[in-house]
Protein backbone atom coordinates (compact mmCIF):
# COMPACT_ATOMS: atom_id res chain seq x y z
CA MET A 1 -9.19 -132.25 -14.23
CA ARG A 2 -6.64 -129.77 -15.53
CA LYS A 3 -7.94 -126.24 -15.89
CA LYS A 4 -7.92 -124.68 -19.30
CA SER A 5 -5.72 -121.64 -19.75
CA ILE A 6 -7.71 -118.66 -20.90
CA THR A 7 -4.53 -117.04 -22.23
CA ASN A 8 -3.64 -120.08 -24.29
CA ARG A 9 -7.23 -120.47 -25.42
CA LEU A 10 -7.44 -116.87 -26.60
CA GLY A 11 -4.06 -117.08 -28.30
CA LEU A 12 -4.96 -120.35 -29.98
CA ALA A 13 -8.32 -119.03 -31.14
CA TYR A 14 -6.74 -115.93 -32.58
CA ALA A 15 -3.96 -117.91 -34.27
CA LEU A 16 -6.38 -120.45 -35.75
CA SER A 17 -8.74 -117.79 -37.02
CA THR A 18 -5.87 -115.83 -38.56
CA LEU A 19 -4.33 -118.94 -40.09
CA THR A 20 -7.71 -120.07 -41.42
CA ILE A 21 -8.35 -116.74 -43.08
CA LEU A 22 -4.81 -116.62 -44.50
CA LEU A 23 -4.89 -120.15 -45.90
CA GLY A 24 -8.39 -119.66 -47.24
CA SER A 25 -7.32 -116.47 -48.96
CA ILE A 26 -4.28 -118.15 -50.55
CA MET A 27 -6.25 -121.17 -51.70
CA LEU A 28 -9.08 -119.07 -53.09
CA PHE A 29 -6.63 -116.75 -54.73
CA PHE A 30 -4.93 -119.61 -56.57
CA ALA A 31 -8.26 -121.17 -57.39
CA LEU A 32 -9.56 -117.94 -58.86
CA ASN A 33 -6.33 -117.34 -60.68
CA ASN A 34 -6.45 -120.83 -62.16
CA ASN A 35 -10.09 -120.34 -63.03
CA TYR A 36 -9.18 -117.10 -64.70
CA LYS A 37 -6.63 -118.92 -66.85
CA LEU A 38 -9.13 -121.62 -67.71
CA LEU A 39 -11.78 -119.07 -68.64
CA GLN A 40 -9.36 -117.51 -71.09
CA SER A 41 -9.24 -120.80 -72.98
CA MET A 42 -13.00 -121.22 -73.19
CA ALA A 43 -15.04 -120.68 -76.32
CA ASP A 44 -18.74 -120.50 -76.83
CA VAL A 45 -18.71 -123.10 -79.53
CA TYR A 46 -16.59 -125.53 -77.45
CA SER A 47 -17.97 -124.66 -74.01
CA PRO A 48 -19.15 -128.24 -73.14
CA SER A 49 -15.80 -129.63 -74.27
CA THR A 50 -13.73 -126.98 -72.53
CA ALA A 51 -15.77 -127.53 -69.38
CA LEU A 52 -14.93 -131.22 -69.43
CA LEU A 53 -11.32 -130.52 -70.28
CA GLN A 54 -11.21 -128.07 -67.41
CA LYS A 55 -12.65 -130.72 -65.08
CA PHE A 56 -10.16 -133.20 -66.49
CA SER A 57 -7.36 -130.75 -65.75
CA TYR A 58 -8.62 -130.13 -62.21
CA GLN A 59 -8.84 -133.81 -61.41
CA ILE A 60 -5.37 -134.55 -62.76
CA THR A 61 -4.10 -131.66 -60.64
CA GLU A 62 -6.00 -133.15 -57.70
CA THR A 63 -4.30 -136.53 -58.24
CA LYS A 64 -0.99 -134.74 -58.13
CA MET A 65 -1.84 -133.18 -54.74
CA LEU A 66 -3.48 -136.34 -53.40
CA ILE A 67 -0.54 -138.63 -54.20
CA LYS A 68 1.84 -136.19 -52.60
CA ASN A 69 -0.33 -135.62 -49.52
CA TRP A 70 -0.84 -139.36 -49.11
CA VAL A 71 2.89 -140.09 -49.18
CA PHE A 72 4.01 -137.21 -46.98
CA VAL A 73 1.05 -136.67 -44.62
CA SER A 74 -0.99 -139.84 -44.09
CA PRO A 75 0.50 -142.99 -45.72
CA LYS A 76 -2.29 -145.39 -44.67
CA THR A 77 -4.48 -147.88 -46.45
CA ASN A 78 -7.72 -146.16 -45.56
CA SER A 79 -6.40 -142.63 -45.88
CA PRO A 80 -9.00 -140.24 -47.38
CA ASP A 81 -6.34 -139.05 -49.84
CA LYS A 82 -5.70 -142.56 -51.15
CA ILE A 83 -9.41 -143.41 -51.38
CA ARG A 84 -10.09 -140.22 -53.29
CA LEU A 85 -7.10 -140.85 -55.58
CA LYS A 86 -8.33 -144.33 -56.46
CA GLN A 87 -11.78 -142.97 -57.19
CA LEU A 88 -10.34 -140.37 -59.55
CA LEU A 89 -8.07 -142.80 -61.39
CA ASP A 90 -10.58 -145.65 -61.67
CA VAL A 91 -13.92 -143.87 -62.08
CA GLU A 92 -14.16 -140.15 -62.49
CA ILE A 93 -11.34 -139.38 -64.96
CA PRO A 94 -12.15 -142.35 -67.24
CA GLN A 95 -15.76 -141.16 -67.23
CA ILE A 96 -14.65 -137.67 -68.33
CA LEU A 97 -12.55 -139.18 -71.15
CA ASN A 98 -15.55 -141.18 -72.30
CA GLU A 99 -17.73 -138.06 -72.33
CA LEU A 100 -15.04 -136.14 -74.25
CA GLU A 101 -14.86 -138.97 -76.76
CA VAL A 102 -18.60 -138.65 -77.36
CA LEU A 103 -18.28 -134.89 -77.82
CA SER A 104 -15.24 -135.28 -80.10
CA GLU A 105 -17.44 -136.58 -82.89
CA ASN A 106 -18.12 -132.92 -83.76
CA TRP A 107 -14.47 -131.90 -83.45
CA GLU A 108 -11.97 -131.49 -86.19
CA GLU A 109 -9.69 -134.40 -86.95
CA ASP A 110 -6.55 -132.90 -85.38
CA GLU A 111 -8.50 -132.19 -82.16
CA LYS A 112 -9.61 -135.81 -82.01
CA GLN A 113 -6.00 -136.92 -82.31
CA VAL A 114 -5.04 -134.63 -79.42
CA LEU A 115 -7.80 -136.19 -77.27
CA GLN A 116 -6.49 -139.70 -78.09
CA GLN A 117 -2.99 -138.63 -77.12
CA LEU A 118 -4.31 -137.27 -73.82
CA LYS A 119 -6.15 -140.56 -73.17
CA VAL A 120 -3.05 -142.64 -73.97
CA HIS A 121 -0.88 -140.40 -71.80
CA PHE A 122 -3.32 -140.81 -68.90
CA LEU A 123 -3.82 -144.58 -69.17
CA ASP A 124 -0.27 -145.57 -70.14
CA SER A 125 1.77 -143.03 -68.17
CA LEU A 126 -0.05 -141.25 -65.37
CA VAL A 127 -2.05 -144.18 -63.96
CA PRO A 128 0.89 -146.66 -63.94
CA SER A 129 3.25 -144.09 -62.37
CA GLN A 130 0.88 -143.29 -59.50
CA GLU A 131 -0.08 -146.95 -58.97
CA GLU A 132 3.65 -147.69 -58.78
CA VAL A 133 3.89 -145.27 -55.83
CA MET A 134 0.85 -146.83 -54.12
CA ALA A 135 2.26 -150.31 -54.69
CA ILE A 136 5.36 -149.46 -52.63
CA LEU A 137 3.26 -148.97 -49.46
CA THR A 138 0.64 -151.71 -49.18
CA THR A 139 0.86 -153.20 -45.67
CA PHE A 140 0.95 -151.91 -42.10
CA ASP A 141 4.62 -152.75 -41.83
CA ASP A 142 5.33 -150.81 -45.03
CA TYR A 143 3.85 -147.68 -43.51
CA ASN A 144 6.35 -147.98 -40.67
CA ASN A 145 9.29 -148.76 -42.96
CA ALA A 146 11.31 -145.58 -43.28
CA LEU A 147 13.17 -146.89 -46.33
CA LEU A 148 9.98 -147.62 -48.27
CA ILE A 149 8.48 -144.29 -47.28
CA PHE A 150 11.62 -142.54 -48.49
CA GLN A 151 11.44 -144.48 -51.74
CA ALA A 152 7.83 -143.39 -52.26
CA GLN A 153 8.56 -139.81 -51.35
CA SER A 154 11.43 -139.65 -53.82
CA LEU A 155 8.95 -140.26 -56.68
CA VAL A 156 6.66 -137.34 -55.79
CA GLU A 157 8.70 -134.89 -53.76
CA ASP A 158 9.81 -132.39 -56.47
CA GLU A 159 8.53 -131.38 -59.87
CA SER A 160 11.54 -133.12 -61.35
CA ASP A 161 10.53 -136.52 -59.90
CA PRO A 162 9.01 -139.13 -62.25
CA VAL A 163 5.40 -139.01 -61.11
CA MET A 164 5.39 -135.24 -60.94
CA ILE A 165 6.90 -134.98 -64.45
CA VAL A 166 4.24 -137.28 -65.92
CA THR A 167 1.42 -135.51 -64.09
CA THR A 168 2.66 -132.03 -64.95
CA SER A 169 3.17 -133.01 -68.54
CA LEU A 170 -0.39 -134.30 -68.87
CA ILE A 171 -1.76 -131.17 -67.19
CA ASP A 172 0.22 -129.04 -69.62
CA GLU A 173 -1.16 -131.00 -72.58
CA VAL A 174 -4.73 -130.62 -71.35
CA ASN A 175 -4.27 -126.94 -70.65
CA GLY A 176 -2.62 -126.46 -74.02
CA PHE A 177 -5.51 -128.14 -75.72
CA MET A 178 -7.98 -125.99 -73.80
CA HIS A 179 -5.99 -122.91 -74.77
CA LYS A 180 -6.21 -123.89 -78.38
CA LEU A 181 -9.98 -124.19 -78.11
CA SER A 182 -10.29 -120.93 -76.22
CA LEU A 183 -8.77 -119.02 -79.11
CA LYS A 184 -12.05 -119.63 -80.92
CA SER A 185 -14.03 -117.78 -78.31
CA GLU A 186 -14.47 -114.03 -78.22
CA ASP A 187 -15.88 -114.06 -74.70
CA VAL A 188 -12.52 -114.56 -73.01
CA LYS A 189 -12.14 -110.92 -72.05
CA GLU A 190 -15.62 -110.71 -70.50
CA GLU A 191 -15.10 -113.86 -68.46
CA SER A 192 -11.71 -112.57 -67.31
CA LYS A 193 -13.31 -109.40 -66.05
CA LYS A 194 -15.82 -111.45 -64.11
CA SER A 195 -13.02 -113.45 -62.53
CA MET A 196 -11.27 -110.26 -61.47
CA ASN A 197 -14.50 -108.93 -59.95
CA ALA A 198 -14.88 -112.16 -58.02
CA PHE A 199 -11.31 -111.78 -56.77
CA LYS A 200 -12.11 -108.27 -55.54
CA LEU A 201 -15.16 -109.60 -53.73
CA LEU A 202 -12.90 -112.19 -52.10
CA ILE A 203 -10.66 -109.43 -50.76
CA VAL A 204 -13.69 -107.63 -49.34
CA PHE A 205 -14.92 -110.88 -47.77
CA ILE A 206 -11.56 -111.50 -46.10
CA ALA A 207 -11.52 -107.99 -44.66
CA ALA A 208 -15.07 -108.39 -43.35
CA SER A 209 -14.14 -111.76 -41.83
CA ILE A 210 -11.22 -110.21 -39.99
CA ALA A 211 -13.43 -107.44 -38.62
CA PHE A 212 -16.10 -109.91 -37.55
CA GLY A 213 -13.50 -112.15 -35.88
CA THR A 214 -12.15 -109.15 -33.97
CA LEU A 215 -15.64 -108.33 -32.68
CA LEU A 216 -16.16 -111.94 -31.59
CA LEU A 217 -12.83 -111.94 -29.77
CA ALA A 218 -13.65 -108.69 -27.96
CA SER A 219 -17.06 -110.07 -26.99
CA TYR A 220 -15.46 -113.25 -25.64
CA ILE A 221 -12.94 -111.29 -23.55
CA ASN A 222 -15.72 -109.14 -22.10
CA ARG A 223 -17.90 -112.15 -21.28
CA SER A 224 -15.14 -114.48 -20.01
CA VAL A 225 -12.80 -112.07 -18.24
CA ILE A 226 -14.16 -108.60 -17.55
CA LYS A 227 -17.66 -109.50 -16.28
CA PRO A 228 -16.48 -112.33 -13.94
CA LEU A 229 -13.79 -110.06 -12.49
CA LYS A 230 -16.36 -107.35 -11.84
CA GLU A 231 -18.56 -109.94 -10.09
CA LEU A 232 -15.61 -111.02 -7.92
CA ASP A 233 -14.83 -107.39 -7.08
CA ARG A 234 -18.43 -106.81 -5.99
CA ALA A 235 -18.41 -110.00 -3.87
CA ALA A 236 -15.09 -109.02 -2.25
CA SER A 237 -16.57 -105.65 -1.28
CA LEU A 238 -19.54 -107.39 0.36
CA VAL A 239 -17.21 -109.70 2.29
CA GLN A 240 -15.20 -106.69 3.45
CA SER A 241 -18.41 -105.19 4.85
CA GLY A 242 -19.11 -108.38 6.85
CA HIS A 243 -21.40 -110.38 4.54
CA LEU A 244 -20.10 -113.96 4.54
CA ASP A 245 -23.16 -115.52 2.89
CA ILE A 246 -22.09 -114.49 -0.60
CA GLN A 247 -21.17 -116.95 -3.37
CA VAL A 248 -20.14 -116.18 -6.95
CA LYS A 249 -21.36 -118.18 -9.94
CA VAL A 250 -18.63 -120.23 -11.59
CA GLN A 251 -19.43 -120.85 -15.25
CA GLN A 252 -15.93 -121.25 -16.73
CA ASP A 253 -13.25 -123.93 -16.64
CA ASP A 254 -10.22 -121.65 -16.81
CA GLU A 255 -8.14 -119.31 -14.62
CA VAL A 256 -11.07 -116.97 -14.00
CA GLY A 257 -13.30 -119.94 -13.08
CA SER A 258 -10.57 -121.27 -10.79
CA LEU A 259 -10.36 -117.86 -9.13
CA GLY A 260 -14.12 -117.94 -8.51
CA GLU A 261 -13.95 -121.47 -7.06
CA ASN A 262 -11.11 -120.49 -4.73
CA PHE A 263 -13.07 -117.40 -3.65
CA ASN A 264 -16.09 -119.57 -2.81
CA LYS A 265 -13.87 -122.02 -0.90
CA MET A 266 -12.38 -119.12 1.03
CA ILE A 267 -15.85 -117.86 1.98
CA SER A 268 -16.90 -121.39 3.02
CA GLY A 269 -13.76 -121.66 5.14
CA LEU A 270 -14.47 -118.30 6.77
CA ASN A 271 -18.03 -119.39 7.53
CA GLU A 272 -16.78 -122.63 9.08
CA GLN A 273 -14.23 -120.75 11.16
CA GLN A 274 -16.90 -118.30 12.25
CA ASP A 275 -19.18 -121.19 13.28
CA GLU A 276 -16.32 -122.86 15.17
CA LEU A 277 -15.47 -119.57 16.87
CA GLU A 278 -19.10 -119.07 17.85
CA GLU A 279 -19.26 -122.62 19.19
CA PHE A 280 -16.01 -122.09 21.08
CA ASN A 281 -17.35 -118.86 22.57
CA GLN A 282 -20.48 -120.69 23.73
CA LEU A 283 -18.30 -123.37 25.32
CA LEU A 284 -16.25 -120.68 27.04
CA LEU A 285 -19.42 -119.03 28.36
CA LYS A 286 -20.72 -122.38 29.62
CA SER A 287 -17.35 -123.18 31.19
CA GLN A 288 -17.23 -119.76 32.79
CA LYS A 289 -20.75 -120.19 34.16
CA LYS A 290 -19.96 -123.68 35.42
CA LEU A 291 -16.74 -122.46 37.02
CA LYS A 292 -18.59 -119.67 38.80
CA GLU A 293 -21.20 -122.14 40.04
CA THR A 294 -18.48 -124.55 41.15
CA ASN A 295 -16.61 -121.82 43.02
CA LYS A 296 -19.84 -120.66 44.60
CA THR A 297 -20.66 -124.23 45.64
CA LYS A 298 -17.19 -124.76 47.09
CA ASP A 299 -17.43 -121.46 48.98
CA LYS A 300 -20.67 -122.71 50.53
CA PHE A 301 -19.03 -126.05 51.23
CA PHE A 302 -16.01 -124.53 52.98
CA ASN A 303 -18.34 -122.31 54.98
CA ILE A 304 -20.24 -125.43 56.08
CA ILE A 305 -17.01 -127.25 56.98
CA ALA A 306 -15.79 -124.24 58.94
CA HIS A 307 -18.97 -124.25 61.00
CA ASP A 308 -18.78 -128.04 61.46
CA LEU A 309 -15.20 -127.75 62.71
CA LYS A 310 -15.95 -124.81 64.99
CA GLY A 311 -18.51 -126.69 67.14
CA PRO A 312 -16.26 -129.62 68.18
CA PHE A 313 -13.29 -127.32 68.70
CA THR A 314 -15.39 -125.01 70.90
CA SER A 315 -16.59 -127.96 72.95
CA PHE A 316 -13.05 -129.33 73.07
CA LEU A 317 -11.65 -125.99 74.33
CA SER A 318 -14.40 -125.54 76.90
CA VAL A 319 -13.87 -128.99 78.42
CA THR A 320 -10.10 -128.73 78.46
CA ASP A 321 -10.36 -125.26 80.04
CA ILE A 322 -12.54 -126.61 82.88
CA LEU A 323 -10.30 -129.64 83.42
CA SER A 324 -7.09 -127.59 83.42
CA ASN A 325 -8.28 -124.80 85.74
CA ASP A 326 -10.43 -126.64 88.31
CA ALA A 327 -9.61 -130.34 87.99
CA ASP A 328 -9.36 -131.03 91.77
CA SER A 329 -12.87 -129.78 92.54
CA ILE A 330 -14.57 -131.72 89.76
CA PRO A 331 -16.22 -134.99 90.83
CA GLU A 332 -14.92 -138.19 89.30
CA ASP A 333 -18.11 -138.96 87.41
CA LYS A 334 -17.99 -135.45 85.87
CA LYS A 335 -14.41 -136.00 84.75
CA ILE A 336 -15.44 -139.25 83.07
CA TYR A 337 -18.28 -137.38 81.33
CA PHE A 338 -15.91 -134.66 80.13
CA LEU A 339 -13.37 -137.23 78.89
CA LYS A 340 -16.10 -139.06 76.91
CA SER A 341 -17.15 -135.71 75.46
CA LEU A 342 -13.56 -135.03 74.44
CA ASN A 343 -13.28 -138.49 72.88
CA LYS A 344 -16.52 -138.00 70.98
CA SER A 345 -15.32 -134.64 69.60
CA ALA A 346 -11.95 -136.13 68.69
CA LEU A 347 -13.58 -139.04 66.85
CA TYR A 348 -15.88 -136.63 65.04
CA LEU A 349 -12.96 -134.45 63.98
CA GLU A 350 -10.92 -137.48 62.92
CA SER A 351 -13.77 -138.74 60.74
CA LEU A 352 -14.30 -135.30 59.26
CA LEU A 353 -10.61 -134.75 58.54
CA ASP A 354 -10.26 -138.23 57.06
CA ASN A 355 -13.20 -137.59 54.75
CA LEU A 356 -11.77 -134.19 53.83
CA LEU A 357 -8.45 -135.81 52.95
CA GLN A 358 -10.18 -138.42 50.77
CA TRP A 359 -12.29 -135.76 49.04
CA ALA A 360 -9.20 -133.59 48.42
CA ARG A 361 -7.52 -136.54 46.71
CA THR A 362 -10.53 -137.04 44.44
CA GLN A 363 -10.60 -133.36 43.52
CA SER A 364 -6.85 -133.18 42.80
CA GLY A 365 -6.89 -136.33 40.67
CA THR A 366 -4.35 -138.15 42.82
CA LEU A 367 -6.82 -140.79 44.02
CA GLU A 368 -6.00 -144.13 42.44
CA VAL A 369 -8.77 -146.66 41.86
CA ASN A 370 -7.39 -150.22 41.95
CA GLN A 371 -10.32 -152.55 41.43
CA ARG A 372 -9.96 -156.28 41.93
CA CYS A 373 -12.10 -159.27 42.72
CA ILE A 374 -12.92 -159.32 46.47
CA ALA A 375 -15.36 -161.20 48.74
CA LEU A 376 -18.23 -158.89 49.63
CA TYR A 377 -19.19 -160.76 52.81
CA ASP A 378 -15.67 -160.51 54.26
CA ILE A 379 -15.26 -156.77 53.73
CA VAL A 380 -18.72 -156.08 55.22
CA LYS A 381 -17.80 -158.26 58.19
CA GLN A 382 -14.58 -156.29 58.77
CA ASN A 383 -16.50 -152.99 58.89
CA THR A 384 -19.22 -154.29 61.22
CA ARG A 385 -16.50 -155.38 63.65
CA LEU A 386 -14.90 -151.92 63.55
CA LEU A 387 -18.23 -150.30 64.45
CA GLN A 388 -19.32 -152.94 66.92
CA MET A 389 -18.19 -150.91 69.95
CA ASN A 390 -20.07 -147.79 68.85
CA ALA A 391 -23.14 -149.90 68.18
CA GLN A 392 -22.97 -151.51 71.62
CA ASN A 393 -22.86 -148.10 73.30
CA THR A 394 -26.32 -147.35 71.84
CA LYS A 395 -27.48 -150.96 72.04
CA VAL A 396 -27.79 -151.12 68.23
CA GLU A 397 -27.42 -154.56 66.65
CA LEU A 398 -25.40 -154.89 63.41
CA VAL A 399 -26.73 -157.76 61.28
CA ASN A 400 -24.65 -158.95 58.26
CA LYS A 401 -26.99 -160.77 55.88
CA ILE A 402 -24.67 -160.59 52.85
CA GLU A 403 -24.69 -163.89 50.97
CA GLU A 404 -21.37 -165.65 51.20
CA GLY A 405 -19.68 -166.45 47.89
CA ILE A 406 -20.53 -163.12 46.25
CA ASN A 407 -17.43 -161.57 44.69
CA VAL A 408 -17.40 -157.99 43.46
CA ASN A 409 -15.03 -155.97 41.27
CA ALA A 410 -14.12 -153.12 43.65
CA ASP A 411 -11.31 -151.13 45.24
CA PRO A 412 -11.01 -152.38 48.86
CA ASN A 413 -10.01 -148.97 50.25
CA LEU A 414 -12.84 -147.11 48.55
CA LEU A 415 -15.36 -149.79 49.52
CA HIS A 416 -14.17 -149.64 53.16
CA THR A 417 -14.79 -145.89 53.16
CA VAL A 418 -18.29 -146.30 51.69
CA LEU A 419 -19.28 -149.04 54.17
CA ARG A 420 -17.75 -147.24 57.17
CA ASN A 421 -19.61 -144.02 56.42
CA LEU A 422 -22.97 -145.65 55.70
CA LEU A 423 -22.78 -148.00 58.73
CA SER A 424 -21.61 -145.17 60.99
CA ASN A 425 -24.55 -143.02 59.89
CA ALA A 426 -26.97 -145.92 60.35
CA VAL A 427 -25.74 -146.56 63.90
CA LYS A 428 -25.69 -142.86 64.71
CA PHE A 429 -29.27 -142.21 63.65
CA SER A 430 -30.75 -145.47 65.01
CA GLU A 431 -32.84 -145.58 68.14
CA ASN A 432 -31.47 -147.44 71.17
CA GLY A 433 -32.15 -151.13 70.82
CA GLY A 434 -32.61 -150.89 67.06
CA GLN A 435 -31.07 -152.93 64.23
CA VAL A 436 -28.84 -152.08 61.26
CA VAL A 437 -29.20 -154.77 58.59
CA ILE A 438 -26.81 -155.21 55.64
CA THR A 439 -28.27 -157.28 52.76
CA SER A 440 -27.42 -158.07 49.15
CA LYS A 441 -29.44 -158.77 46.00
CA THR A 442 -28.02 -160.01 42.69
CA LEU A 443 -29.32 -158.01 39.71
CA GLU A 444 -29.82 -159.18 36.14
CA ASN A 445 -27.19 -156.84 34.70
CA LYS A 446 -24.27 -158.62 36.42
CA PHE A 447 -24.37 -156.24 39.35
CA VAL A 448 -25.13 -156.78 43.04
CA GLU A 449 -27.10 -154.29 45.13
CA VAL A 450 -25.95 -153.76 48.72
CA SER A 451 -28.54 -152.30 51.10
CA ILE A 452 -27.88 -150.84 54.58
CA SER A 453 -31.15 -150.33 56.53
CA ASP A 454 -31.70 -148.77 59.93
CA GLN A 455 -34.72 -148.30 62.17
CA GLY A 456 -33.99 -144.68 62.94
CA ILE A 457 -36.04 -141.55 62.71
CA GLY A 458 -36.02 -141.46 58.91
CA ILE A 459 -35.69 -138.53 56.50
CA ALA A 460 -38.46 -136.39 55.06
CA ASN A 461 -39.02 -136.52 51.29
CA ASP A 462 -38.08 -132.86 50.90
CA ASP A 463 -34.76 -133.53 52.62
CA LEU A 464 -33.89 -136.61 50.53
CA ALA A 465 -33.12 -134.40 47.55
CA LYS A 466 -30.60 -132.45 49.64
CA LEU A 467 -28.43 -135.50 50.34
CA PHE A 468 -25.23 -136.02 48.32
CA ARG A 469 -25.01 -132.24 47.75
CA ILE A 470 -21.81 -130.44 48.64
CA ASP A 471 -23.52 -127.07 49.12
CA VAL A 472 -26.03 -128.22 51.74
CA SER A 473 -25.16 -129.14 55.33
CA THR A 474 -27.00 -132.06 56.89
CA LYS A 475 -27.21 -130.00 60.03
CA LEU A 476 -30.06 -128.27 58.21
CA ILE A 477 -31.82 -131.58 57.48
CA GLY A 478 -34.26 -133.29 59.83
CA GLU A 479 -34.91 -132.92 63.52
CA SER A 480 -32.56 -135.50 65.03
CA THR A 481 -30.23 -134.51 67.82
CA GLN A 482 -27.53 -136.57 66.05
CA LYS A 483 -26.07 -134.28 63.41
CA GLY A 484 -23.22 -134.82 60.99
CA THR A 485 -21.54 -132.90 58.20
CA GLY A 486 -23.08 -135.06 55.50
CA PHE A 487 -19.68 -135.02 53.88
CA GLY A 488 -19.37 -138.78 54.20
CA LEU A 489 -22.37 -139.25 51.89
CA ILE A 490 -20.70 -137.08 49.27
CA LEU A 491 -17.64 -139.32 49.41
CA CYS A 492 -19.83 -142.41 49.23
CA LYS A 493 -21.48 -141.17 46.04
CA GLU A 494 -18.15 -140.32 44.36
CA PHE A 495 -16.45 -143.60 45.43
CA VAL A 496 -19.38 -145.77 44.33
CA GLU A 497 -19.53 -144.05 40.93
CA LYS A 498 -15.75 -144.35 40.47
CA GLN A 499 -16.19 -148.12 40.81
CA GLY A 500 -18.91 -148.15 38.16
CA GLY A 501 -21.90 -148.30 40.49
CA GLU A 502 -24.81 -146.14 41.59
CA ILE A 503 -26.10 -145.06 45.00
CA SER A 504 -29.64 -144.21 46.12
CA VAL A 505 -31.63 -143.71 49.32
CA GLU A 506 -35.12 -144.62 50.54
CA SER A 507 -36.59 -143.29 53.77
CA GLU A 508 -39.81 -142.78 55.68
CA LEU A 509 -40.17 -140.62 58.77
CA GLY A 510 -40.37 -142.65 61.94
CA LYS A 511 -39.58 -145.95 60.22
CA GLY A 512 -35.97 -145.69 59.17
CA THR A 513 -33.70 -145.24 56.16
CA THR A 514 -32.15 -147.58 53.58
CA PHE A 515 -29.09 -146.70 51.47
CA ASN A 516 -28.58 -148.84 48.33
CA PHE A 517 -25.50 -149.00 46.15
CA THR A 518 -24.44 -151.32 43.35
CA LEU A 519 -21.17 -153.03 42.50
CA ALA A 520 -20.16 -155.11 39.49
CA LEU A 521 -19.89 -158.87 39.99
CA CYS A 522 -16.73 -160.69 39.04
């Protein structure tokens, strides 16, 4: 909706009030002046007659204005001017003539003849001339016909036009007759004085109206401009001091009201920005806290890795030092023992470094996950074969009970890493002569659960919660002589979750451990 202009509204109000007072003054002035002239022609003895003649004169004058207004201002069938004109010509003026005819019974003979002449002039001249004008414009098309409108206007435009001549002539005759009757009255001077007094009162009224209008205008400016601006100034001062919960009342639909609305929108925008900034600051604090925790965790992790690397390297250096300095005096069986120890350390370091490389790729975002439909039984079989030699060394039996025909949506490389780590741990922590069993179970949610169970020493409940954590070394978990970094389990968790699955562990001391993870079927 378009806003109202307070400047235009004030200017229009002032112009209308001034114009109204001016036009009213002019109209009243002429009315009083005309009344003054009529009063001069009144007489006490003919007061009823002069009153009717005066009314007759007024109504004829009104027909003159109505016919002209109708033609020039609103040439329509249902125009108020035309309706009023017809009422005057058909009803009211004939009624006045009839009343004058009744009163004329007490007039002198020459006055009766004048009344008859006025009646004939009205019925035979005035009425036909004005009906002739109305007959020119009768239909909707006529009102839009410029030629017909011009024709009608030419009959009433000037005092020299036919209708105006007839009307003016009749008015003059009526006024002349009233003047004749007024000569018989001695009260003309008194009535004239009264008219002049009324005119003076009119002047006083106009002056009072102007003063009152000025007061109203000043009151409006104070209420619509000055007070709202003071309210805005007060609100701006509060905002400057840090109060953003302020709102100004908008009660106007103009420039001042628009200014208040924009001020409120600005405050709302500032509040929203403040809320967003506060939320952003909270996110920064959380991110900062998380980053500190992550760095702290990684520091612990690297410390653990450093210790895990130091042990094999120390053993590796000790063995190589003995073999290089005193190889000839060492018995053959001792050399074989040392070589197996070196091989064991090398395998441990290779596994650790391979896991570190895989983890680094996951952390840097360069690890690509390429899932496709693969046979679960076949990939488990490949990994059991790879670990068969290690299992035979400890007389551990690897049993693949995966159902054939199960296909999963997985990345072969990631799944190999998960299976190799879990099977390696199961073999490592199993007792001699034990079994490691790999089974599968189809779930209702279109997933398959793979379980790897051993018959090892098991894990205490308190230690289960420490698995899959990067900041805790598995060297601190349990009492087994077979220790690992636990880093492989961290990789298993990340790789299983990257393929859309979940991993969990169940264990009981002295009875063994079972690792379960899920994969989507395809």
